[in-house]
């Protein structure tokens, strides 16, 4: 029937903010006063709750840094928990994060290059070490930059290979822009030096020799490392075995007047003696020869088979 209401079975009707507002609008004078008072009380309750939440959140943000940095000792009278090993856990269950110490591995290699009357000889070993562990015995430590330019690797294998391959891309772009004219050794070494100097804060490990031939400048060698330093010279040796290799190279006073065969033999001798004294160097000996016609690999042999 119209106007039928379901019985409540003796239970009092549910009261809320909306029901109090309805009583205040529809009831009699007495009910309007009671409804208005109820609505006001509910509004004050909600407002106070929100205010307390905002205040508590602000206090927590201010006190949290001090709580995290506070040092708890064993005699501190609080609800802190004792962890295994004697470390105290604050009541909020949060600990200060500990920084992992950096893992540093010693790198080692032997690379050398020198200029003689017929071009440039570059000789390297092929061992890649991770501390005391020999990671590889056949690492390619001479990478091509162009048809007339080579780059050697000493330091971190990933860093050196990335930047030399990056330089190879720049050399190819130079040829495309300048109608096939090859990049000079001076320009190539300047490019990689500038980029390494800009990224000197990244803790890179790069020690490379950029060497080659250009019709304008002739044969030239540049040493470049991760600090951005760039040095031109006629003889360099880079790596943990460089001291021993330079000792062999300095014994030949007529180094510039050697023939190709003599220069290659000198490079092999220097690398071999360096690997006998330096534990980080070994594997194969690789020798490259750069002439006016370009570069080529002229020798590669396992050190164990060389007498």
Protein backbone atom coordinates (compact mmCIF):
# COMPACT_ATOMS: atom_id res chain seq x y z
CA UNK A 1 0.00 0.00 0.00
CA UNK A 2 1.06 3.55 -0.56
CA UNK A 3 3.02 4.99 2.33
CA UNK A 4 3.84 1.58 3.81
CA UNK A 5 7.06 1.58 5.91
CA UNK A 6 8.97 -1.56 6.85
CA UNK A 7 8.96 -2.13 10.62
CA UNK A 8 12.24 -1.69 12.46
CA UNK A 9 11.56 -4.59 14.91
CA UNK A 10 12.36 -2.48 17.90
CA UNK A 11 15.73 -1.22 16.64
CA UNK A 12 16.31 2.53 16.78
CA UNK A 13 16.64 4.20 13.39
CA UNK A 14 20.17 4.93 12.10
CA UNK A 15 21.30 8.46 12.76
CA UNK A 16 23.90 10.26 10.67
CA UNK A 17 24.87 13.75 9.63
CA UNK A 18 22.34 13.68 6.80
CA UNK A 19 19.49 12.41 9.02
CA UNK A 20 20.25 15.18 11.54
CA UNK A 21 20.13 17.74 8.75
CA UNK A 22 16.79 16.31 7.52
CA UNK A 23 15.30 16.56 11.02
CA UNK A 24 16.52 20.16 11.24
CA UNK A 25 14.75 21.03 7.97
CA UNK A 26 11.52 19.00 8.18
CA UNK A 27 10.72 18.57 11.90
CA UNK A 28 9.02 20.86 14.36
CA UNK A 29 10.71 23.66 16.29
CA UNK A 30 12.07 21.33 18.95
CA UNK A 31 13.26 18.81 16.39
CA UNK A 32 14.85 21.57 14.34
CA UNK A 33 16.90 22.70 17.33
CA UNK A 34 17.97 19.13 18.13
CA UNK A 35 18.84 18.43 14.47
CA UNK A 36 20.86 21.63 14.12
CA UNK A 37 22.80 20.83 17.30
CA UNK A 38 23.52 17.32 16.07
CA UNK A 39 24.70 18.54 12.68
CA UNK A 40 26.97 21.11 14.32
CA UNK A 41 28.45 18.46 16.64
CA UNK A 42 29.16 16.11 13.76
CA UNK A 43 30.79 18.91 11.74
CA UNK A 44 33.01 19.88 14.68
CA UNK A 45 34.02 16.23 15.16
CA UNK A 46 35.07 15.81 11.50
CA UNK A 47 36.94 19.12 11.51
CA UNK A 48 38.87 18.20 14.67
CA UNK A 49 39.79 14.79 13.22
CA UNK A 50 41.17 16.32 10.02
CA UNK A 51 43.12 18.92 11.99
CA UNK A 52 44.72 16.23 14.17
CA UNK A 53 45.76 14.19 11.11
CA UNK A 54 47.40 17.19 9.44
CA UNK A 55 49.23 18.16 12.65
CA UNK A 56 50.45 14.60 13.25
CA UNK A 57 51.74 14.33 9.68
CA UNK A 58 53.66 17.58 10.00
CA UNK A 59 55.24 16.53 13.30
CA UNK A 60 56.27 13.16 11.79
CA UNK A 61 57.97 14.82 8.81
CA UNK A 62 59.94 17.14 11.10
CA UNK A 63 60.94 14.46 13.62
CA UNK A 64 61.69 11.66 11.14
CA UNK A 65 65.28 12.75 10.16
CA UNK A 66 66.26 13.15 13.80
CA UNK A 67 64.74 9.78 14.62
CA UNK A 68 66.64 8.03 11.85
CA UNK A 69 69.96 9.65 12.73
CA UNK A 70 69.69 9.00 16.44
CA UNK A 71 72.11 6.44 17.84
CA UNK A 72 70.53 3.89 20.12
CA UNK A 73 72.69 2.19 22.72
CA UNK A 74 71.99 -0.83 24.82
CA UNK A 75 71.06 1.20 27.91
CA UNK A 76 68.56 3.39 26.11
CA UNK A 77 65.21 3.08 27.87
CA UNK A 78 62.75 2.67 24.99
CA UNK A 79 60.81 0.09 23.08
CA UNK A 80 63.75 -0.44 20.68
CA UNK A 81 64.46 -4.02 19.69
CA UNK A 82 67.87 -5.65 20.01
CA UNK A 83 69.03 -7.23 16.76
CA UNK A 84 71.49 -10.07 16.43
CA UNK A 85 74.98 -8.64 16.70
CA UNK A 86 74.06 -5.92 19.22
CA UNK A 87 72.54 -3.43 16.77
CA UNK A 88 69.50 -1.51 18.03
CA UNK A 89 66.33 -1.29 15.96
CA UNK A 90 64.35 1.95 16.50
CA UNK A 91 60.68 1.69 17.53
CA UNK A 92 59.49 2.57 14.03
CA UNK A 93 61.35 -0.45 12.64
CA UNK A 94 63.54 1.60 10.26
CA UNK A 95 67.34 1.41 10.04
CA UNK A 96 69.79 3.72 8.35
CA UNK A 97 70.87 2.29 4.98
CA UNK A 98 74.53 1.31 4.85
CA UNK A 99 76.61 2.22 1.83
CA UNK A 100 78.27 -0.61 -0.05
CA UNK A 101 82.02 -0.01 -0.34
CA UNK A 102 83.24 0.37 -3.93
CA UNK A 103 84.73 -2.73 -5.51
CA UNK A 104 88.02 -1.89 -7.18
CA UNK A 105 89.96 -4.35 -9.30
CA UNK A 106 93.56 -3.87 -10.40
CA UNK A 107 93.99 -3.66 -14.15
CA UNK A 108 97.16 -4.68 -15.95
CA UNK A 109 98.50 -4.79 -19.50
CA UNK A 110 101.46 -3.88 -21.67
CA UNK A 111 101.07 -1.79 -24.82
CA UNK A 112 103.75 0.12 -26.72
CA UNK A 113 104.31 2.03 -29.93
CA UNK A 114 107.20 3.87 -31.53
CA UNK A 115 108.03 5.68 -34.74
CA UNK A 116 110.81 4.53 -37.07
CA UNK A 117 111.85 5.61 -40.56
CA UNK A 118 109.38 3.28 -42.29
CA UNK A 119 106.27 3.98 -40.16
CA UNK A 120 104.93 3.05 -36.73
CA UNK A 121 105.10 -0.24 -34.81
CA UNK A 122 102.44 -1.03 -32.21
CA UNK A 123 102.85 -4.12 -30.00
CA UNK A 124 100.50 -5.39 -27.29
CA UNK A 125 99.79 -8.43 -25.15
CA UNK A 126 96.32 -10.03 -24.94
CA UNK A 127 95.67 -10.74 -21.25
CA UNK A 128 92.64 -9.19 -19.50
CA UNK A 129 92.80 -9.46 -15.71
CA UNK A 130 90.28 -8.80 -12.93
CA UNK A 131 92.49 -8.47 -9.90
CA UNK A 132 94.28 -11.80 -9.53
CA UNK A 133 91.87 -13.53 -11.91
CA UNK A 134 92.77 -13.86 -15.60
CA UNK A 135 89.52 -13.01 -17.36
CA UNK A 136 90.71 -13.54 -20.93
CA UNK A 137 93.86 -14.59 -22.76
CA UNK A 138 92.82 -13.38 -26.22
CA UNK A 139 91.69 -9.78 -25.74
CA UNK A 140 91.96 -7.54 -28.80
CA UNK A 141 93.87 -4.51 -27.49
CA UNK A 142 94.40 -2.74 -30.81
CA UNK A 143 91.25 -1.34 -32.42
CA UNK A 144 91.00 0.37 -35.83
CA UNK A 145 89.88 3.99 -36.03
CA UNK A 146 90.26 4.43 -39.80
CA UNK A 147 92.30 2.97 -42.65
CA UNK A 148 95.40 4.82 -41.41
CA UNK A 149 94.78 5.20 -37.64
CA UNK A 150 94.85 2.68 -34.78
CA UNK A 151 94.05 2.96 -31.07
CA UNK A 152 95.37 0.82 -28.23
CA UNK A 153 93.59 -0.25 -25.02
CA UNK A 154 95.00 0.05 -21.49
CA UNK A 155 92.80 0.35 -18.40
CA UNK A 156 89.20 -0.77 -18.23
CA UNK A 157 88.32 -2.91 -21.23
CA UNK A 158 84.75 -1.60 -21.45
CA UNK A 159 85.78 2.07 -21.19
CA UNK A 160 88.61 1.79 -23.72
CA UNK A 161 86.65 -0.19 -26.31
CA UNK A 162 83.66 2.16 -26.04
CA UNK A 163 85.62 5.36 -26.57
CA UNK A 164 87.81 4.00 -29.36
CA UNK A 165 84.72 2.72 -31.20
CA UNK A 166 83.12 6.11 -30.58
CA UNK A 167 86.19 7.72 -32.17
CA UNK A 168 85.84 5.37 -35.15
CA UNK A 169 82.28 6.66 -35.64
CA UNK A 170 83.56 10.25 -35.54
CA UNK A 171 86.24 9.39 -38.12
CA UNK A 172 83.64 7.90 -40.44
CA UNK A 173 81.43 10.98 -40.07
CA UNK A 174 84.43 13.15 -40.95
CA UNK A 175 84.96 11.20 -44.19
CA UNK A 176 81.29 11.53 -45.16
CA UNK A 177 81.20 15.28 -44.49
CA UNK A 178 84.55 16.12 -46.14
CA UNK A 179 84.15 14.21 -49.43
CA UNK A 180 86.06 11.10 -48.37
CA UNK A 181 89.08 12.83 -46.86
CA UNK A 182 90.38 10.90 -43.89
CA UNK A 183 90.64 12.43 -40.45
CA UNK A 184 94.10 13.39 -39.21
CA UNK A 185 95.69 11.77 -36.17
CA UNK A 186 95.89 15.13 -34.41
CA UNK A 187 92.18 15.81 -34.92
CA UNK A 188 91.18 12.30 -33.85
CA UNK A 189 93.23 12.48 -30.65
CA UNK A 190 91.81 15.93 -29.90
CA UNK A 191 88.23 14.64 -30.23
CA UNK A 192 88.67 11.77 -27.79
CA UNK A 193 90.68 13.97 -25.43
CA UNK A 194 87.88 16.55 -25.28
CA UNK A 195 85.21 13.94 -24.59
CA UNK A 196 87.27 12.26 -21.88
CA UNK A 197 87.93 15.63 -20.22
CA UNK A 198 84.20 16.41 -20.21
CA UNK A 199 83.51 13.04 -18.54
CA UNK A 200 86.49 13.05 -16.17
CA UNK A 201 84.14 12.91 -13.17
CA UNK A 202 82.74 9.49 -14.13
CA UNK A 203 85.77 7.59 -12.78
CA UNK A 204 86.68 6.14 -16.18
CA UNK A 205 89.78 4.02 -16.73
CA UNK A 206 91.28 4.82 -20.13
CA UNK A 207 94.89 4.98 -21.31
CA UNK A 208 95.14 4.86 -25.08
CA UNK A 209 97.63 5.65 -27.83
CA UNK A 210 96.15 7.11 -31.01
CA UNK A 211 98.63 6.61 -33.84
CA UNK A 212 98.63 6.74 -37.61
CA UNK A 213 99.63 8.51 -40.80
CA UNK A 214 98.31 11.63 -42.50
CA UNK A 215 99.75 13.20 -45.70
CA UNK A 216 99.99 16.61 -44.03
CA UNK A 217 101.52 15.60 -40.68
CA UNK A 218 103.29 12.32 -41.49
CA UNK A 219 103.55 9.63 -38.81
CA UNK A 220 102.46 10.67 -35.30
CA UNK A 221 101.52 9.14 -31.94
CA UNK A 222 99.38 10.75 -29.22
CA UNK A 223 98.88 9.49 -25.69
CA UNK A 224 95.42 10.21 -24.22
CA UNK A 225 93.99 9.14 -20.85
CA UNK A 226 90.75 9.51 -18.87
CA UNK A 227 91.77 12.89 -17.39
CA UNK A 228 91.79 14.42 -20.87
CA UNK A 229 95.59 14.76 -21.09
CA UNK A 230 96.96 14.62 -24.65
CA UNK A 231 100.69 14.23 -25.32
CA UNK A 232 102.48 13.83 -28.65
CA UNK A 233 105.66 11.78 -28.87
CA UNK A 234 107.65 9.27 -30.89
CA UNK A 235 107.58 6.45 -28.31
CA UNK A 236 105.07 5.45 -25.62
CA UNK A 237 104.34 2.46 -23.44
CA UNK A 238 101.17 2.22 -21.33
CA UNK A 239 100.14 -0.35 -18.73
CA UNK A 240 101.47 -2.18 -15.70
CA UNK A 241 104.34 -3.67 -17.73
CA UNK A 242 105.28 -0.41 -19.43
CA UNK A 243 108.38 0.12 -17.26
CA UNK A 244 109.92 -3.14 -18.42
CA UNK A 245 108.99 -2.51 -22.05
CA UNK A 246 110.51 0.97 -22.04
CA UNK A 247 113.71 -0.48 -20.61
CA UNK A 248 114.04 -2.72 -23.68
CA UNK A 249 113.12 0.05 -26.14
CA UNK A 250 115.68 2.44 -24.65
CA UNK A 251 118.51 -0.03 -25.27
CA UNK A 252 118.20 0.54 -29.03
CA UNK A 253 119.75 3.92 -29.78
CA UNK A 254 119.29 3.53 -33.56
CA UNK A 255 115.60 2.75 -33.22
CA UNK A 256 114.51 5.30 -35.82
CA UNK A 257 116.84 3.92 -38.54
CA UNK A 258 115.61 0.31 -38.25
CA UNK A 259 114.07 -1.65 -41.08
CA UNK A 260 110.56 -3.04 -40.82
CA UNK A 261 111.84 -6.47 -39.76
CA UNK A 262 114.10 -5.02 -37.08
CA UNK A 263 111.38 -2.73 -35.73
CA UNK A 264 108.89 -5.61 -35.49
CA UNK A 265 111.49 -7.77 -33.74
CA UNK A 266 112.13 -4.99 -31.23
CA UNK A 267 108.42 -4.71 -30.45
CA UNK A 268 108.14 -8.47 -29.90
CA UNK A 269 111.20 -8.45 -27.63
CA UNK A 270 109.87 -5.57 -25.51
CA UNK A 271 106.46 -7.18 -24.97
CA UNK A 272 107.98 -10.58 -24.23
CA UNK A 273 110.34 -9.24 -21.55
CA UNK A 274 107.55 -7.20 -20.00
CA UNK A 275 105.30 -10.25 -19.67
CA UNK A 276 108.13 -12.17 -17.98
CA UNK A 277 108.23 -9.60 -15.16
CA UNK A 278 104.64 -8.33 -15.03
CA UNK A 279 102.03 -10.79 -13.70
CA UNK A 280 99.17 -8.81 -15.26
CA UNK A 281 100.51 -9.19 -18.81
CA UNK A 282 100.55 -12.31 -20.96
CA UNK A 283 98.66 -14.30 -23.55
CA UNK A 284 99.49 -13.57 -27.19
CA UNK A 285 101.82 -10.96 -28.64
CA UNK A 286 100.23 -8.89 -31.37
CA UNK A 287 102.28 -6.56 -33.55
CA UNK A 288 100.83 -4.02 -36.01
CA UNK A 289 102.65 -1.99 -38.63
CA UNK A 290 101.42 1.37 -39.93
CA UNK A 291 102.82 2.65 -43.24
CA UNK A 292 101.72 5.23 -45.79
CA UNK A 293 99.49 2.60 -47.36
CA UNK A 294 97.61 1.91 -44.12
CA UNK A 295 97.90 -0.50 -41.21
CA UNK A 296 98.24 -4.28 -41.10
CA UNK A 297 98.83 -6.99 -38.51
CA UNK A 298 102.24 -8.56 -39.03
CA UNK A 299 102.69 -10.87 -36.03
CA UNK A 300 100.54 -12.86 -33.59
CA UNK A 301 101.84 -15.74 -31.50
CA UNK A 302 101.31 -17.29 -28.10
CA UNK A 303 103.95 -16.30 -25.57
CA UNK A 304 104.24 -19.88 -24.36
CA UNK A 305 105.56 -20.97 -27.78
CA UNK A 306 108.19 -18.23 -28.06
CA UNK A 307 111.65 -19.27 -26.89
